[in-house]
Amino acid sequence: MIPELKPTDAAIETIEKEVIPTLQFPSQDVLTDPADIKRRRHDAERGTTLGNGYHGKLDIYFQTADGATKRVYTTLWALHEEYITLKAGITIPLRAVVAFDFY
């Protein structure tokens, strides 16, 4: 997990995955450091393996277009070039994902 995020941070709203299709996402990547971007993709691959192989859930931290950070606890089903797919075909642009938290 990226150090500046703390799961207990009151500014991070936990939402249900069903709300995600109603959200707007930033047009620019929320991460700027190439190492963080590489780590995010690696973590997304790991999350997909966890979701498909073990039906395991994880926290996904992401930002909306207004800069708010949100958290969703769900199963990650697929990783694509520019987005991730959750259960029920719900997608989040990879550029909006700040971090993943595995248990």
PDB file of N, CA and C in Angstrom:
ATOM      1  N   MET A   1       0.833  -1.177   0.000  1.00  0.00           N
ATOM      2  CA  MET A   1       0.000   0.000   0.000  1.00  0.00           C
ATOM      3  C   MET A   1       0.881   1.245   0.000  1.00  0.00           C
ATOM      4  N   ILE A   2       0.467   2.265  -0.683  1.00  0.00           N
ATOM      5  CA  ILE A   2       1.231   3.499  -0.756  1.00  0.00           C
ATOM      6  C   ILE A   2       1.180   4.172   0.613  1.00  0.00           C
ATOM      7  N   PRO A   3       2.324   4.555   1.176  1.00  0.00           N
ATOM      8  CA  PRO A   3       2.427   5.022   2.553  1.00  0.00           C
ATOM      9  C   PRO A   3       1.507   6.171   2.948  1.00  0.00           C
ATOM     10  N   GLU A   4       1.217   7.106   2.042  1.00  0.00           N
ATOM     11  CA  GLU A   4       0.412   8.246   2.457  1.00  0.00           C
ATOM     12  C   GLU A   4      -1.058   7.903   2.696  1.00  0.00           C
ATOM     13  N   LEU A   5      -1.478   6.704   2.310  1.00  0.00           N
ATOM     14  CA  LEU A   5      -2.844   6.268   2.572  1.00  0.00           C
ATOM     15  C   LEU A   5      -2.906   5.491   3.871  1.00  0.00           C
ATOM     16  N   LYS A   6      -3.874   5.817   4.675  1.00  0.00           N
ATOM     17  CA  LYS A   6      -4.086   5.074   5.904  1.00  0.00           C
ATOM     18  C   LYS A   6      -5.532   4.589   5.903  1.00  0.00           C
ATOM     19  N   PRO A   7      -5.769   3.280   6.041  1.00  0.00           N
ATOM     20  CA  PRO A   7      -7.129   2.749   5.983  1.00  0.00           C
ATOM     21  C   PRO A   7      -8.077   3.392   6.988  1.00  0.00           C
ATOM     22  N   THR A   8      -7.545   3.961   8.061  1.00  0.00           N
ATOM     23  CA  THR A   8      -8.403   4.575   9.065  1.00  0.00           C
ATOM     24  C   THR A   8      -8.649   6.057   8.801  1.00  0.00           C
ATOM     25  N   ASP A   9      -8.084   6.594   7.729  1.00  0.00           N
ATOM     26  CA  ASP A   9      -8.235   8.004   7.394  1.00  0.00           C
ATOM     27  C   ASP A   9      -9.720   8.324   7.161  1.00  0.00           C
ATOM     28  N   ALA A  10     -10.227   9.269   7.927  1.00  0.00           N
ATOM     29  CA  ALA A  10     -11.653   9.628   7.850  1.00  0.00           C
ATOM     30  C   ALA A  10     -12.023  10.205   6.487  1.00  0.00           C
ATOM     31  N   ALA A  11     -11.044  10.725   5.737  1.00  0.00           N
ATOM     32  CA  ALA A  11     -11.326  11.319   4.433  1.00  0.00           C
ATOM     33  C   ALA A  11     -11.589  10.262   3.359  1.00  0.00           C
ATOM     34  N   ILE A  12     -11.331   9.000   3.673  1.00  0.00           N
ATOM     35  CA  ILE A  12     -11.547   7.925   2.704  1.00  0.00           C
ATOM     36  C   ILE A  12     -12.920   7.299   2.948  1.00  0.00           C
ATOM     37  N   GLU A  13     -13.822   7.509   2.001  1.00  0.00           N
ATOM     38  CA  GLU A  13     -15.172   6.976   2.108  1.00  0.00           C
ATOM     39  C   GLU A  13     -15.199   5.552   1.557  1.00  0.00           C
ATOM     40  N   THR A  14     -15.794   4.639   2.315  1.00  0.00           N
ATOM     41  CA  THR A  14     -15.991   3.269   1.840  1.00  0.00           C
ATOM     42  C   THR A  14     -17.339   3.213   1.138  1.00  0.00           C
ATOM     43  N   ILE A  15     -17.331   2.698  -0.079  1.00  0.00           N
ATOM     44  CA  ILE A  15     -18.560   2.624  -0.870  1.00  0.00           C
ATOM     45  C   ILE A  15     -18.821   1.185  -1.302  1.00  0.00           C
ATOM     46  N   GLU A  16     -20.040   0.923  -1.729  1.00  0.00           N
ATOM     47  CA  GLU A  16     -20.407  -0.366  -2.309  1.00  0.00           C
ATOM     48  C   GLU A  16     -20.052  -0.332  -3.797  1.00  0.00           C
ATOM     49  N   LYS A  17     -19.670  -1.464  -4.342  1.00  0.00           N
ATOM     50  CA  LYS A  17     -19.237  -1.500  -5.751  1.00  0.00           C
ATOM     51  C   LYS A  17     -20.354  -1.067  -6.707  1.00  0.00           C
ATOM     52  N   GLU A  18     -21.602  -1.241  -6.302  1.00  0.00           N
ATOM     53  CA  GLU A  18     -22.722  -0.876  -7.167  1.00  0.00           C
ATOM     54  C   GLU A  18     -22.803   0.631  -7.432  1.00  0.00           C
ATOM     55  N   VAL A  19     -22.149   1.436  -6.595  1.00  0.00           N
ATOM     56  CA  VAL A  19     -22.147   2.896  -6.751  1.00  0.00           C
ATOM     57  C   VAL A  19     -21.147   3.336  -7.830  1.00  0.00           C
ATOM     58  N   ILE A  20     -20.141   2.523  -8.084  1.00  0.00           N
ATOM     59  CA  ILE A  20     -19.031   2.902  -8.975  1.00  0.00           C
ATOM     60  C   ILE A  20     -19.487   3.379 -10.360  1.00  0.00           C
ATOM     61  N   PRO A  21     -20.458   2.726 -11.012  1.00  0.00           N
ATOM     62  CA  PRO A  21     -20.851   3.217 -12.353  1.00  0.00           C
ATOM     63  C   PRO A  21     -21.398   4.647 -12.358  1.00  0.00           C
ATOM     64  N   THR A  22     -21.799   5.174 -11.216  1.00  0.00           N
ATOM     65  CA  THR A  22     -22.338   6.543 -11.160  1.00  0.00           C
ATOM     66  C   THR A  22     -21.249   7.589 -10.952  1.00  0.00           C
ATOM     67  N   LEU A  23     -20.007   7.159 -10.734  1.00  0.00           N
ATOM     68  CA  LEU A  23     -18.917   8.080 -10.418  1.00  0.00           C
ATOM     69  C   LEU A  23     -18.194   8.571 -11.663  1.00  0.00           C
ATOM     70  N   GLN A  24     -17.592   9.744 -11.546  1.00  0.00           N
ATOM     71  CA  GLN A  24     -16.735  10.315 -12.593  1.00  0.00           C
ATOM     72  C   GLN A  24     -15.289  10.102 -12.156  1.00  0.00           C
ATOM     73  N   PHE A  25     -14.412   9.802 -13.095  1.00  0.00           N
ATOM     74  CA  PHE A  25     -13.014   9.536 -12.782  1.00  0.00           C
ATOM     75  C   PHE A  25     -12.104  10.582 -13.426  1.00  0.00           C
ATOM     76  N   PRO A  26     -10.919  10.797 -12.844  1.00  0.00           N
ATOM     77  CA  PRO A  26      -9.992  11.786 -13.411  1.00  0.00           C
ATOM     78  C   PRO A  26      -9.505  11.373 -14.803  1.00  0.00           C
ATOM     79  N   SER A  27      -9.198  12.380 -15.619  1.00  0.00           N
ATOM     80  CA  SER A  27      -8.706  12.083 -16.965  1.00  0.00           C
ATOM     81  C   SER A  27      -7.204  11.829 -16.965  1.00  0.00           C
ATOM     82  N   GLN A  28      -6.505  12.297 -15.934  1.00  0.00           N
ATOM     83  CA  GLN A  28      -5.066  12.080 -15.804  1.00  0.00           C
ATOM     84  C   GLN A  28      -4.796  11.013 -14.752  1.00  0.00           C
ATOM     85  N   ASP A  29      -3.654  10.354 -14.865  1.00  0.00           N
ATOM     86  CA  ASP A  29      -3.279   9.330 -13.891  1.00  0.00           C
ATOM     87  C   ASP A  29      -3.081   9.971 -12.522  1.00  0.00           C
ATOM     88  N   VAL A  30      -3.633   9.333 -11.482  1.00  0.00           N
ATOM     89  CA  VAL A  30      -3.493   9.855 -10.113  1.00  0.00           C
ATOM     90  C   VAL A  30      -2.092   9.612  -9.565  1.00  0.00           C
ATOM     91  N   LEU A  31      -1.343   8.715 -10.184  1.00  0.00           N
ATOM     92  CA  LEU A  31       0.037   8.449  -9.784  1.00  0.00           C
ATOM     93  C   LEU A  31       0.979   9.105 -10.785  1.00  0.00           C
ATOM     94  N   THR A  32       2.080   9.656 -10.285  1.00  0.00           N
ATOM     95  CA  THR A  32       3.036  10.299 -11.184  1.00  0.00           C
ATOM     96  C   THR A  32       4.379   9.582 -11.225  1.00  0.00           C
ATOM     97  N   ASP A  33       4.716   8.854 -10.170  1.00  0.00           N
ATOM     98  CA  ASP A  33       5.997   8.159 -10.088  1.00  0.00           C
ATOM     99  C   ASP A  33       5.931   6.859 -10.897  1.00  0.00           C
ATOM    100  N   PRO A  34       6.836   6.670 -11.866  1.00  0.00           N
ATOM    101  CA  PRO A  34       6.823   5.447 -12.676  1.00  0.00           C
ATOM    102  C   PRO A  34       6.909   4.165 -11.835  1.00  0.00           C
ATOM    103  N   ALA A  35       7.623   4.202 -10.721  1.00  0.00           N
ATOM    104  CA  ALA A  35       7.722   3.019  -9.854  1.00  0.00           C
ATOM    105  C   ALA A  35       6.368   2.704  -9.209  1.00  0.00           C
ATOM    106  N   ASP A  36       5.620   3.739  -8.822  1.00  0.00           N
ATOM    107  CA  ASP A  36       4.287   3.532  -8.243  1.00  0.00           C
ATOM    108  C   ASP A  36       3.319   2.980  -9.285  1.00  0.00           C
ATOM    109  N   ILE A  37       3.435   3.466 -10.509  1.00  0.00           N
ATOM    110  CA  ILE A  37       2.574   2.992 -11.601  1.00  0.00           C
ATOM    111  C   ILE A  37       2.867   1.514 -11.890  1.00  0.00           C
ATOM    112  N   LYS A  38       4.141   1.163 -11.902  1.00  0.00           N
ATOM    113  CA  LYS A  38       4.532  -0.239 -12.125  1.00  0.00           C
ATOM    114  C   LYS A  38       4.026  -1.120 -10.981  1.00  0.00           C
ATOM    115  N   ARG A  39       4.157  -0.646  -9.732  1.00  0.00           N
ATOM    116  CA  ARG A  39       3.681  -1.403  -8.571  1.00  0.00           C
ATOM    117  C   ARG A  39       2.159  -1.595  -8.633  1.00  0.00           C
ATOM    118  N   ARG A  40       1.442  -0.552  -9.074  1.00  0.00           N
ATOM    119  CA  ARG A  40      -0.021  -0.648  -9.178  1.00  0.00           C
ATOM    120  C   ARG A  40      -0.411  -1.759 -10.148  1.00  0.00           C
ATOM    121  N   ARG A  41       0.265  -1.825 -11.304  1.00  0.00           N
ATOM    122  CA  ARG A  41      -0.059  -2.877 -12.283  1.00  0.00           C
ATOM    123  C   ARG A  41       0.261  -4.253 -11.705  1.00  0.00           C
ATOM    124  N   HIS A  42       1.398  -4.378 -11.044  1.00  0.00           N
ATOM    125  CA  HIS A  42       1.766  -5.652 -10.415  1.00  0.00           C
ATOM    126  C   HIS A  42       0.712  -6.049  -9.373  1.00  0.00           C
ATOM    127  N   ASP A  43       0.302  -5.101  -8.536  1.00  0.00           N
ATOM    128  CA  ASP A  43      -0.711  -5.388  -7.519  1.00  0.00           C
ATOM    129  C   ASP A  43      -2.055  -5.746  -8.152  1.00  0.00           C
ATOM    130  N   ALA A  44      -2.381  -5.116  -9.278  1.00  0.00           N
ATOM    131  CA  ALA A  44      -3.623  -5.436  -9.981  1.00  0.00           C
ATOM    132  C   ALA A  44      -3.571  -6.868 -10.530  1.00  0.00           C
ATOM    133  N   GLU A  45      -2.412  -7.268 -11.045  1.00  0.00           N
ATOM    134  CA  GLU A  45      -2.246  -8.649 -11.518  1.00  0.00           C
ATOM    135  C   GLU A  45      -2.396  -9.625 -10.348  1.00  0.00           C
ATOM    136  N   ARG A  46      -1.774  -9.297  -9.232  1.00  0.00           N
ATOM    137  CA  ARG A  46      -1.878 -10.136  -8.034  1.00  0.00           C
ATOM    138  C   ARG A  46      -3.341 -10.224  -7.554  1.00  0.00           C
ATOM    139  N   GLY A  47      -4.034  -9.093  -7.572  1.00  0.00           N
ATOM    140  CA  GLY A  47      -5.436  -9.067  -7.162  1.00  0.00           C
ATOM    141  C   GLY A  47      -6.323  -9.900  -8.070  1.00  0.00           C
ATOM    142  N   THR A  48      -6.015  -9.896  -9.363  1.00  0.00           N
ATOM    143  CA  THR A  48      -6.782 -10.707 -10.316  1.00  0.00           C
ATOM    144  C   THR A  48      -6.579 -12.196 -10.034  1.00  0.00           C
ATOM    145  N   THR A  49      -5.346 -12.583  -9.736  1.00  0.00           N
ATOM    146  CA  THR A  49      -5.059 -13.978  -9.385  1.00  0.00           C
ATOM    147  C   THR A  49      -5.807 -14.370  -8.110  1.00  0.00           C
ATOM    148  N   LEU A  50      -5.780 -13.497  -7.128  1.00  0.00           N
ATOM    149  CA  LEU A  50      -6.493 -13.738  -5.870  1.00  0.00           C
ATOM    150  C   LEU A  50      -7.995 -13.889  -6.119  1.00  0.00           C
ATOM    151  N   GLY A  51      -8.541 -13.012  -6.945  1.00  0.00           N
ATOM    152  CA  GLY A  51      -9.982 -13.035  -7.217  1.00  0.00           C
ATOM    153  C   GLY A  51     -10.416 -14.254  -7.995  1.00  0.00           C
ATOM    154  N   ASN A  52      -9.671 -14.601  -9.038  1.00  0.00           N
ATOM    155  CA  ASN A  52     -10.053 -15.734  -9.884  1.00  0.00           C
ATOM    156  C   ASN A  52      -9.723 -17.077  -9.257  1.00  0.00           C
ATOM    157  N   GLY A  53      -8.567 -17.160  -8.613  1.00  0.00           N
ATOM    158  CA  GLY A  53      -8.140 -18.439  -8.056  1.00  0.00           C
ATOM    159  C   GLY A  53      -8.771 -18.783  -6.729  1.00  0.00           C
ATOM    160  N   TYR A  54      -9.022 -17.749  -5.912  1.00  0.00           N
ATOM    161  CA  TYR A  54      -9.471 -18.012  -4.538  1.00  0.00           C
ATOM    162  C   TYR A  54     -10.735 -17.256  -4.163  1.00  0.00           C
ATOM    163  N   HIS A  55     -11.291 -16.487  -5.093  1.00  0.00           N
ATOM    164  CA  HIS A  55     -12.462 -15.640  -4.830  1.00  0.00           C
ATOM    165  C   HIS A  55     -12.213 -14.717  -3.648  1.00  0.00           C
ATOM    166  N   GLY A  56     -10.930 -14.337  -3.488  1.00  0.00           N
ATOM    167  CA  GLY A  56     -10.537 -13.455  -2.394  1.00  0.00           C
ATOM    168  C   GLY A  56     -10.846 -12.004  -2.698  1.00  0.00           C
ATOM    169  N   LYS A  57     -11.147 -11.264  -1.645  1.00  0.00           N
ATOM    170  CA  LYS A  57     -11.456  -9.840  -1.777  1.00  0.00           C
ATOM    171  C   LYS A  57     -10.279  -9.001  -1.310  1.00  0.00           C
ATOM    172  N   LEU A  58     -10.271  -7.752  -1.739  1.00  0.00           N
ATOM    173  CA  LEU A  58      -9.245  -6.805  -1.343  1.00  0.00           C
ATOM    174  C   LEU A  58      -9.854  -5.411  -1.329  1.00  0.00           C
ATOM    175  N   ASP A  59      -9.152  -4.474  -0.708  1.00  0.00           N
ATOM    176  CA  ASP A  59      -9.564  -3.074  -0.757  1.00  0.00           C
ATOM    177  C   ASP A  59      -8.906  -2.432  -1.965  1.00  0.00           C
ATOM    178  N   ILE A  60      -9.695  -1.686  -2.710  1.00  0.00           N
ATOM    179  CA  ILE A  60      -9.178  -0.901  -3.826  1.00  0.00           C
ATOM    180  C   ILE A  60      -9.416   0.560  -3.470  1.00  0.00           C
ATOM    181  N   TYR A  61      -8.332   1.329  -3.433  1.00  0.00           N
ATOM    182  CA  TYR A  61      -8.407   2.758  -3.160  1.00  0.00           C
ATOM    183  C   TYR A  61      -8.301   3.481  -4.492  1.00  0.00           C
ATOM    184  N   PHE A  62      -9.234   4.399  -4.753  1.00  0.00           N
ATOM    185  CA  PHE A  62      -9.210   5.128  -6.020  1.00  0.00           C
ATOM    186  C   PHE A  62      -9.711   6.546  -5.811  1.00  0.00           C
ATOM    187  N   GLN A  63      -9.413   7.389  -6.792  1.00  0.00           N
ATOM    188  CA  GLN A  63      -9.855   8.766  -6.728  1.00  0.00           C
ATOM    189  C   GLN A  63     -10.914   9.038  -7.777  1.00  0.00           C
ATOM    190  N   THR A  64     -11.827   9.922  -7.417  1.00  0.00           N
ATOM    191  CA  THR A  64     -12.849  10.373  -8.350  1.00  0.00           C
ATOM    192  C   THR A  64     -12.391  11.688  -8.980  1.00  0.00           C
ATOM    193  N   ALA A  65     -13.128  12.160  -9.969  1.00  0.00           N
ATOM    194  CA  ALA A  65     -12.749  13.377 -10.704  1.00  0.00           C
ATOM    195  C   ALA A  65     -12.653  14.597  -9.791  1.00  0.00           C
ATOM    196  N   ASP A  66     -13.393  14.602  -8.687  1.00  0.00           N
ATOM    197  CA  ASP A  66     -13.346  15.744  -7.769  1.00  0.00           C
ATOM    198  C   ASP A  66     -12.197  15.640  -6.763  1.00  0.00           C
ATOM    199  N   GLY A  67     -11.351  14.595  -6.906  1.00  0.00           N
ATOM    200  CA  GLY A  67     -10.188  14.437  -6.040  1.00  0.00           C
ATOM    201  C   GLY A  67     -10.437  13.663  -4.760  1.00  0.00           C
ATOM    202  N   ALA A  68     -11.663  13.215  -4.540  1.00  0.00           N
ATOM    203  CA  ALA A  68     -11.981  12.442  -3.335  1.00  0.00           C
ATOM    204  C   ALA A  68     -11.419  11.028  -3.460  1.00  0.00           C
ATOM    205  N   THR A  69     -10.882  10.507  -2.358  1.00  0.00           N
ATOM    206  CA  THR A  69     -10.397   9.135  -2.344  1.00  0.00           C
ATOM    207  C   THR A  69     -11.482   8.249  -1.761  1.00  0.00           C
ATOM    208  N   LYS A  70     -11.748   7.149  -2.450  1.00  0.00           N
ATOM    209  CA  LYS A  70     -12.779   6.200  -2.023  1.00  0.00           C
ATOM    210  C   LYS A  70     -12.153   4.821  -1.902  1.00  0.00           C
ATOM    211  N   ARG A  71     -12.836   3.961  -1.151  1.00  0.00           N
ATOM    212  CA  ARG A  71     -12.380   2.587  -0.965  1.00  0.00           C
ATOM    213  C   ARG A  71     -13.561   1.666  -1.242  1.00  0.00           C
ATOM    214  N   VAL A  72     -13.275   0.562  -1.935  1.00  0.00           N
ATOM    215  CA  VAL A  72     -14.276  -0.478  -2.149  1.00  0.00           C
ATOM    216  C   VAL A  72     -13.630  -1.814  -1.806  1.00  0.00           C
ATOM    217  N   TYR A  73     -14.360  -2.637  -1.066  1.00  0.00           N
ATOM    218  CA  TYR A  73     -13.896  -3.968  -0.678  1.00  0.00           C
ATOM    219  C   TYR A  73     -14.618  -4.947  -1.589  1.00  0.00           C
ATOM    220  N   THR A  74     -13.875  -5.586  -2.494  1.00  0.00           N
ATOM    221  CA  THR A  74     -14.521  -6.409  -3.511  1.00  0.00           C
ATOM    222  C   THR A  74     -13.542  -7.412  -4.112  1.00  0.00           C
ATOM    223  N   THR A  75     -14.031  -8.183  -5.052  1.00  0.00           N
ATOM    224  CA  THR A  75     -13.215  -9.144  -5.793  1.00  0.00           C
ATOM    225  C   THR A  75     -12.802  -8.517  -7.119  1.00  0.00           C
ATOM    226  N   LEU A  76     -11.532  -8.643  -7.450  1.00  0.00           N
ATOM    227  CA  LEU A  76     -11.001  -8.154  -8.722  1.00  0.00           C
ATOM    228  C   LEU A  76     -10.999  -9.322  -9.703  1.00  0.00           C
ATOM    229  N   TRP A  77     -11.766  -9.191 -10.786  1.00  0.00           N
ATOM    230  CA  TRP A  77     -11.919 -10.302 -11.721  1.00  0.00           C
ATOM    231  C   TRP A  77     -10.996 -10.240 -12.919  1.00  0.00           C
ATOM    232  N   ALA A  78     -10.694  -9.028 -13.403  1.00  0.00           N
ATOM    233  CA  ALA A  78      -9.875  -8.944 -14.618  1.00  0.00           C
ATOM    234  C   ALA A  78      -9.090  -7.637 -14.646  1.00  0.00           C
ATOM    235  N   LEU A  79      -7.934  -7.718 -15.285  1.00  0.00           N
ATOM    236  CA  LEU A  79      -7.087  -6.552 -15.515  1.00  0.00           C
ATOM    237  C   LEU A  79      -6.946  -6.379 -17.015  1.00  0.00           C
ATOM    238  N   HIS A  80      -7.210  -5.177 -17.477  1.00  0.00           N
ATOM    239  CA  HIS A  80      -7.076  -4.841 -18.890  1.00  0.00           C
ATOM    240  C   HIS A  80      -6.000  -3.763 -19.007  1.00  0.00           C
ATOM    241  N   GLU A  81      -5.706  -3.355 -20.178  1.00  0.00           N
ATOM    242  CA  GLU A  81      -4.664  -2.348 -20.375  1.00  0.00           C
ATOM    243  C   GLU A  81      -4.965  -1.058 -19.612  1.00  0.00           C
ATOM    244  N   GLU A  82      -6.209  -0.605 -19.667  1.00  0.00           N
ATOM    245  CA  GLU A  82      -6.529   0.700 -19.082  1.00  0.00           C
ATOM    246  C   GLU A  82      -7.539   0.660 -17.941  1.00  0.00           C
ATOM    247  N   TYR A  83      -8.058  -0.501 -17.585  1.00  0.00           N
ATOM    248  CA  TYR A  83      -9.041  -0.558 -16.507  1.00  0.00           C
ATOM    249  C   TYR A  83      -9.034  -1.922 -15.829  1.00  0.00           C
ATOM    250  N   ILE A  84      -9.693  -1.980 -14.670  1.00  0.00           N
ATOM    251  CA  ILE A  84      -9.884  -3.242 -13.958  1.00  0.00           C
ATOM    252  C   ILE A  84     -11.373  -3.556 -13.941  1.00  0.00           C
ATOM    253  N   THR A  85     -11.696  -4.835 -13.922  1.00  0.00           N
ATOM    254  CA  THR A  85     -13.085  -5.265 -13.878  1.00  0.00           C
ATOM    255  C   THR A  85     -13.351  -5.967 -12.555  1.00  0.00           C
ATOM    256  N   LEU A  86     -14.423  -5.541 -11.897  1.00  0.00           N
ATOM    257  CA  LEU A  86     -14.859  -6.135 -10.646  1.00  0.00           C
ATOM    258  C   LEU A  86     -16.016  -7.085 -10.932  1.00  0.00           C
ATOM    259  N   LYS A  87     -16.508  -7.711  -9.901  1.00  0.00           N
ATOM    260  CA  LYS A  87     -17.678  -8.570 -10.009  1.00  0.00           C
ATOM    261  C   LYS A  87     -18.816  -7.789 -10.656  1.00  0.00           C
ATOM    262  N   ALA A  88     -19.662  -8.458 -11.388  1.00  0.00           N
ATOM    263  CA  ALA A  88     -20.831  -7.880 -12.059  1.00  0.00           C
ATOM    264  C   ALA A  88     -20.456  -6.946 -13.210  1.00  0.00           C
ATOM    265  N   GLY A  89     -19.212  -7.059 -13.714  1.00  0.00           N
ATOM    266  CA  GLY A  89     -18.806  -6.281 -14.873  1.00  0.00           C
ATOM    267  C   GLY A  89     -18.556  -4.806 -14.606  1.00  0.00           C
ATOM    268  N   ILE A  90     -18.466  -4.421 -13.364  1.00  0.00           N
ATOM    269  CA  ILE A  90     -18.195  -3.028 -12.998  1.00  0.00           C
ATOM    270  C   ILE A  90     -16.718  -2.734 -13.240  1.00  0.00           C
ATOM    271  N   THR A  91     -16.420  -1.579 -13.830  1.00  0.00           N
ATOM    272  CA  THR A  91     -15.035  -1.247 -14.148  1.00  0.00           C
ATOM    273  C   THR A  91     -14.593   0.047 -13.463  1.00  0.00           C
ATOM    274  N   ILE A  92     -13.283   0.118 -13.229  1.00  0.00           N
ATOM    275  CA  ILE A  92     -12.633   1.328 -12.715  1.00  0.00           C
ATOM    276  C   ILE A  92     -11.413   1.561 -13.605  1.00  0.00           C
ATOM    277  N   PRO A  93     -11.230   2.785 -14.105  1.00  0.00           N
ATOM    278  CA  PRO A  93     -10.015   3.052 -14.881  1.00  0.00           C
ATOM    279  C   PRO A  93      -8.780   2.838 -14.008  1.00  0.00           C
ATOM    280  N   LEU A  94      -7.793   2.160 -14.535  1.00  0.00           N
ATOM    281  CA  LEU A  94      -6.571   1.902 -13.774  1.00  0.00           C
ATOM    282  C   LEU A  94      -5.899   3.213 -13.375  1.00  0.00           C
ATOM    283  N   ARG A  95      -6.029   4.249 -14.205  1.00  0.00           N
ATOM    284  CA  ARG A  95      -5.414   5.543 -13.905  1.00  0.00           C
ATOM    285  C   ARG A  95      -5.989   6.186 -12.646  1.00  0.00           C
ATOM    286  N   ALA A  96      -7.185   5.740 -12.200  1.00  0.00           N
ATOM    287  CA  ALA A  96      -7.826   6.303 -11.009  1.00  0.00           C
ATOM    288  C   ALA A  96      -7.432   5.555  -9.739  1.00  0.00           C
ATOM    289  N   VAL A  97      -6.834   4.372  -9.890  1.00  0.00           N
ATOM    290  CA  VAL A  97      -6.500   3.540  -8.728  1.00  0.00           C
ATOM    291  C   VAL A  97      -5.234   4.069  -8.060  1.00  0.00           C
ATOM    292  N   VAL A  98      -5.350   4.311  -6.754  1.00  0.00           N
ATOM    293  CA  VAL A  98      -4.226   4.800  -5.967  1.00  0.00           C
ATOM    294  C   VAL A  98      -3.440   3.628  -5.394  1.00  0.00           C
ATOM    295  N   ALA A  99      -4.167   2.620  -4.887  1.00  0.00           N
ATOM    296  CA  ALA A  99      -3.492   1.481  -4.240  1.00  0.00           C
ATOM    297  C   ALA A  99      -4.472   0.341  -4.026  1.00  0.00           C
ATOM    298  N   PHE A 100      -3.882  -0.827  -3.743  1.00  0.00           N
ATOM    299  CA  PHE A 100      -4.636  -2.016  -3.364  1.00  0.00           C
ATOM    300  C   PHE A 100      -4.163  -2.416  -1.975  1.00  0.00           C
ATOM    301  N   ASP A 101      -5.064  -2.982  -1.185  1.00  0.00           N
ATOM    302  CA  ASP A 101      -4.697  -3.456   0.140  1.00  0.00           C
ATOM    303  C   ASP A 101      -5.141  -4.911   0.242  1.00  0.00           C
ATOM    304  N   PHE A 102      -4.170  -5.801   0.404  1.00  0.00           N
ATOM    305  CA  PHE A 102      -4.430  -7.238   0.489  1.00  0.00           C
ATOM    306  C   PHE A 102      -4.492  -7.656   1.954  1.00  0.00           C
ATOM    307  N   TYR A 103      -5.289  -8.663   2.228  1.00  0.00           N
ATOM    308  CA  TYR A 103      -5.396  -9.172   3.604  1.00  0.00           C
ATOM    309  C   TYR A 103      -4.704 -10.494   3.763  1.00  0.00           C
TER     310      TYR A 103
END
